[in-house]
Structure formats: C-alpha cells, structure tokens
Amino acid sequence: MKRKVVFMFVSASITEARRVEMDLGQGLMIMIGVADYAMACTEAKKLTEEGVILIELCGGFGTIGHARVTEAVEGKCQVGIVRFDNHPGYDNLSGDTKWM
C-alpha cells in the first residue's frame, strides 16, 4: 500500500474542497484546498479514513485551526503546521483572525 501524506491550505476563493494527487512511486502526495476550518475538519476526517498518515497545514491556519483539525482526526494521523503568526498573504493577520 502506498504511504499517503497531505498538504492542506485554506483560501476564501474556494467554495468546495479542491484536491490534487501526485503519485511519487512508493507514496502519494495529496494537496487539498478548503474554504474554512469547518471544511478542513470534514476533509481531515475523510483523509484519515483513506489511511493518510500525516496532514501538514499551511501557514494560513492559526493555532485554533491547527487545534480543530488535530481534534477532528482523533489521533488517527499526525497534524503539523507551517507557522506564520502574521501571514503575509492575509495582510499580516493570523489565520485565526482571518477565519474565525
């Protein structure tokens, strides 16, 4: 079975989850875009059911977003995050300020 890993990003321009997969031979890299934290949690749950071993969140997720996704996967995979306390793409706001 291929090892599955995910990079997830959040963007207001997304209305439904957008997914792209890259087959790396022994593994599968999945990139998924979501509209907000609620969609991120829904997609994270689906991903764990598919056997994903880790989810890396983009810097657009704040600490609350990270915590919500981590809680959503119920320990079934690891959740990491690229951290920007003040994200340059969000007028230097935290992801939590932007998405809460």
C-alpha atoms as a PDB file:
ATOM      1  CA  MET A   1       0.000   0.000   0.000  1.00  0.00           C
ATOM      2  CA  LYS A   2       1.252   3.476  -0.824  1.00  0.00           C
ATOM      3  CA  ARG A   3       2.078   5.843   2.001  1.00  0.00           C
ATOM      4  CA  LYS A   4      -0.292   8.846   1.837  1.00  0.00           C
ATOM      5  CA  VAL A   5       0.596  12.336   3.042  1.00  0.00           C
ATOM      6  CA  VAL A   6      -1.339  15.605   2.744  1.00  0.00           C
ATOM      7  CA  PHE A   7      -0.669  19.314   2.440  1.00  0.00           C
ATOM      8  CA  MET A   8      -3.837  21.319   3.213  1.00  0.00           C
ATOM      9  CA  PHE A   9      -4.349  25.029   2.576  1.00  0.00           C
ATOM     10  CA  VAL A  10      -7.222  27.394   3.321  1.00  0.00           C
ATOM     11  CA  SER A  11      -8.496  30.098   0.956  1.00  0.00           C
ATOM     12  CA  ALA A  12     -11.621  32.246   0.781  1.00  0.00           C
ATOM     13  CA  SER A  13     -11.727  31.750  -3.004  1.00  0.00           C
ATOM     14  CA  ILE A  14     -12.589  28.058  -2.561  1.00  0.00           C
ATOM     15  CA  THR A  15     -16.258  27.078  -2.367  1.00  0.00           C
ATOM     16  CA  GLU A  16     -15.803  23.302  -2.219  1.00  0.00           C
ATOM     17  CA  ALA A  17     -12.796  21.167  -1.345  1.00  0.00           C
ATOM     18  CA  ARG A  18     -10.256  21.016  -4.190  1.00  0.00           C
ATOM     19  CA  ARG A  19      -7.917  18.029  -4.359  1.00  0.00           C
ATOM     20  CA  VAL A  20      -4.845  17.189  -6.445  1.00  0.00           C
ATOM     21  CA  GLU A  21      -2.806  13.995  -6.124  1.00  0.00           C
ATOM     22  CA  MET A  22       0.796  13.373  -7.077  1.00  0.00           C
ATOM     23  CA  ASP A  23       1.965   9.753  -7.324  1.00  0.00           C
ATOM     24  CA  LEU A  24       5.550   9.551  -6.083  1.00  0.00           C
ATOM     25  CA  GLY A  25       6.011   5.829  -6.704  1.00  0.00           C
ATOM     26  CA  GLN A  26       6.073   4.475  -3.170  1.00  0.00           C
ATOM     27  CA  GLY A  27       3.850   7.234  -1.881  1.00  0.00           C
ATOM     28  CA  LEU A  28       1.025   9.575  -2.703  1.00  0.00           C
ATOM     29  CA  MET A  29       1.157  13.320  -2.022  1.00  0.00           C
ATOM     30  CA  ILE A  30      -2.298  14.867  -1.750  1.00  0.00           C
ATOM     31  CA  MET A  31      -2.794  18.627  -1.846  1.00  0.00           C
ATOM     32  CA  ILE A  32      -6.214  19.813  -0.767  1.00  0.00           C
ATOM     33  CA  GLY A  33      -7.678  23.302  -0.584  1.00  0.00           C
ATOM     34  CA  VAL A  34     -10.519  24.170   1.775  1.00  0.00           C
ATOM     35  CA  ALA A  35     -12.668  27.256   2.363  1.00  0.00           C
ATOM     36  CA  ASP A  36     -12.521  27.409   6.169  1.00  0.00           C
ATOM     37  CA  TYR A  37     -11.783  25.497   9.369  1.00  0.00           C
ATOM     38  CA  ALA A  38     -15.069  23.577   9.311  1.00  0.00           C
ATOM     39  CA  MET A  39     -14.348  22.251   5.822  1.00  0.00           C
ATOM     40  CA  ALA A  40     -10.785  21.460   6.892  1.00  0.00           C
ATOM     41  CA  CYS A  41     -12.090  19.282   9.733  1.00  0.00           C
ATOM     42  CA  THR A  42     -14.545  17.488   7.466  1.00  0.00           C
ATOM     43  CA  GLU A  43     -11.855  16.780   4.872  1.00  0.00           C
ATOM     44  CA  ALA A  44      -9.324  15.740   7.522  1.00  0.00           C
ATOM     45  CA  LYS A  45     -11.754  13.106   8.824  1.00  0.00           C
ATOM     46  CA  LYS A  46     -12.244  11.755   5.285  1.00  0.00           C
ATOM     47  CA  LEU A  47      -8.490  11.678   4.738  1.00  0.00           C
ATOM     48  CA  THR A  48      -7.868   9.616   7.859  1.00  0.00           C
ATOM     49  CA  GLU A  49     -10.467   7.108   6.638  1.00  0.00           C
ATOM     50  CA  GLU A  50      -8.362   6.822   3.452  1.00  0.00           C
ATOM     51  CA  GLY A  51      -5.304   5.922   5.514  1.00  0.00           C
ATOM     52  CA  VAL A  52      -3.411   9.228   5.397  1.00  0.00           C
ATOM     53  CA  ILE A  53      -0.517   9.176   7.897  1.00  0.00           C
ATOM     54  CA  LEU A  54       0.072  12.920   8.179  1.00  0.00           C
ATOM     55  CA  ILE A  55      -1.518  16.251   7.368  1.00  0.00           C
ATOM     56  CA  GLU A  56       0.640  19.352   7.025  1.00  0.00           C
ATOM     57  CA  LEU A  57      -1.379  22.571   7.326  1.00  0.00           C
ATOM     58  CA  CYS A  58      -0.350  25.755   5.534  1.00  0.00           C
ATOM     59  CA  GLY A  59       0.553  28.911   7.420  1.00  0.00           C
ATOM     60  CA  GLY A  60      -2.960  30.228   6.781  1.00  0.00           C
ATOM     61  CA  PHE A  61      -4.185  28.084   9.671  1.00  0.00           C
ATOM     62  CA  GLY A  62      -3.784  29.696  13.066  1.00  0.00           C
ATOM     63  CA  THR A  63      -3.318  27.877  16.341  1.00  0.00           C
ATOM     64  CA  ILE A  64      -7.073  27.411  16.745  1.00  0.00           C
ATOM     65  CA  GLY A  65      -7.382  25.981  13.229  1.00  0.00           C
ATOM     66  CA  HIS A  66      -4.489  23.617  13.942  1.00  0.00           C
ATOM     67  CA  ALA A  67      -6.151  22.517  17.185  1.00  0.00           C
ATOM     68  CA  ARG A  68      -9.513  21.924  15.480  1.00  0.00           C
ATOM     69  CA  VAL A  69      -8.028  19.771  12.715  1.00  0.00           C
ATOM     70  CA  THR A  70      -5.929  17.858  15.246  1.00  0.00           C
ATOM     71  CA  GLU A  71      -9.067  17.186  17.294  1.00  0.00           C
ATOM     72  CA  ALA A  72     -11.018  16.170  14.174  1.00  0.00           C
ATOM     73  CA  VAL A  73      -8.589  13.384  13.240  1.00  0.00           C
ATOM     74  CA  GLU A  74      -8.917  11.827  16.716  1.00  0.00           C
ATOM     75  CA  GLY A  75      -5.299  10.710  16.873  1.00  0.00           C
ATOM     76  CA  LYS A  76      -5.539   8.719  13.629  1.00  0.00           C
ATOM     77  CA  CYS A  77      -2.748  10.723  11.974  1.00  0.00           C
ATOM     78  CA  GLN A  78      -0.241  13.428  12.828  1.00  0.00           C
ATOM     79  CA  VAL A  79      -1.092  17.075  12.104  1.00  0.00           C
ATOM     80  CA  GLY A  80       1.737  19.556  11.578  1.00  0.00           C
ATOM     81  CA  ILE A  81       1.703  23.187  10.528  1.00  0.00           C
ATOM     82  CA  VAL A  82       3.797  25.742   8.693  1.00  0.00           C
ATOM     83  CA  ARG A  83       3.644  28.720  11.041  1.00  0.00           C
ATOM     84  CA  PHE A  84       3.178  32.381  10.215  1.00  0.00           C
ATOM     85  CA  ASP A  85       1.999  34.280  13.277  1.00  0.00           C
ATOM     86  CA  ASN A  86       1.144  37.101  10.894  1.00  0.00           C
ATOM     87  CA  HIS A  87       0.561  35.662   7.427  1.00  0.00           C
ATOM     88  CA  PRO A  88       1.896  37.855   4.604  1.00  0.00           C
ATOM     89  CA  GLY A  89      -0.930  36.751   2.292  1.00  0.00           C
ATOM     90  CA  TYR A  90      -3.603  37.866   4.766  1.00  0.00           C
ATOM     91  CA  ASP A  91      -2.495  41.488   5.292  1.00  0.00           C
ATOM     92  CA  ASN A  92      -0.295  40.266   8.167  1.00  0.00           C
ATOM     93  CA  LEU A  93      -3.237  38.831  10.110  1.00  0.00           C
ATOM     94  CA  SER A  94      -3.171  35.488  11.904  1.00  0.00           C
ATOM     95  CA  GLY A  95      -5.148  32.672  10.298  1.00  0.00           C
ATOM     96  CA  ASP A  96      -7.324  32.689  13.403  1.00  0.00           C
ATOM     97  CA  THR A  97      -8.166  36.358  12.870  1.00  0.00           C
ATOM     98  CA  LYS A  98      -8.904  35.738   9.209  1.00  0.00           C
ATOM     99  CA  TRP A  99     -11.006  32.587   9.579  1.00  0.00           C
ATOM    100  CA  MET A 100     -12.739  32.991  12.956  1.00  0.00           C
END
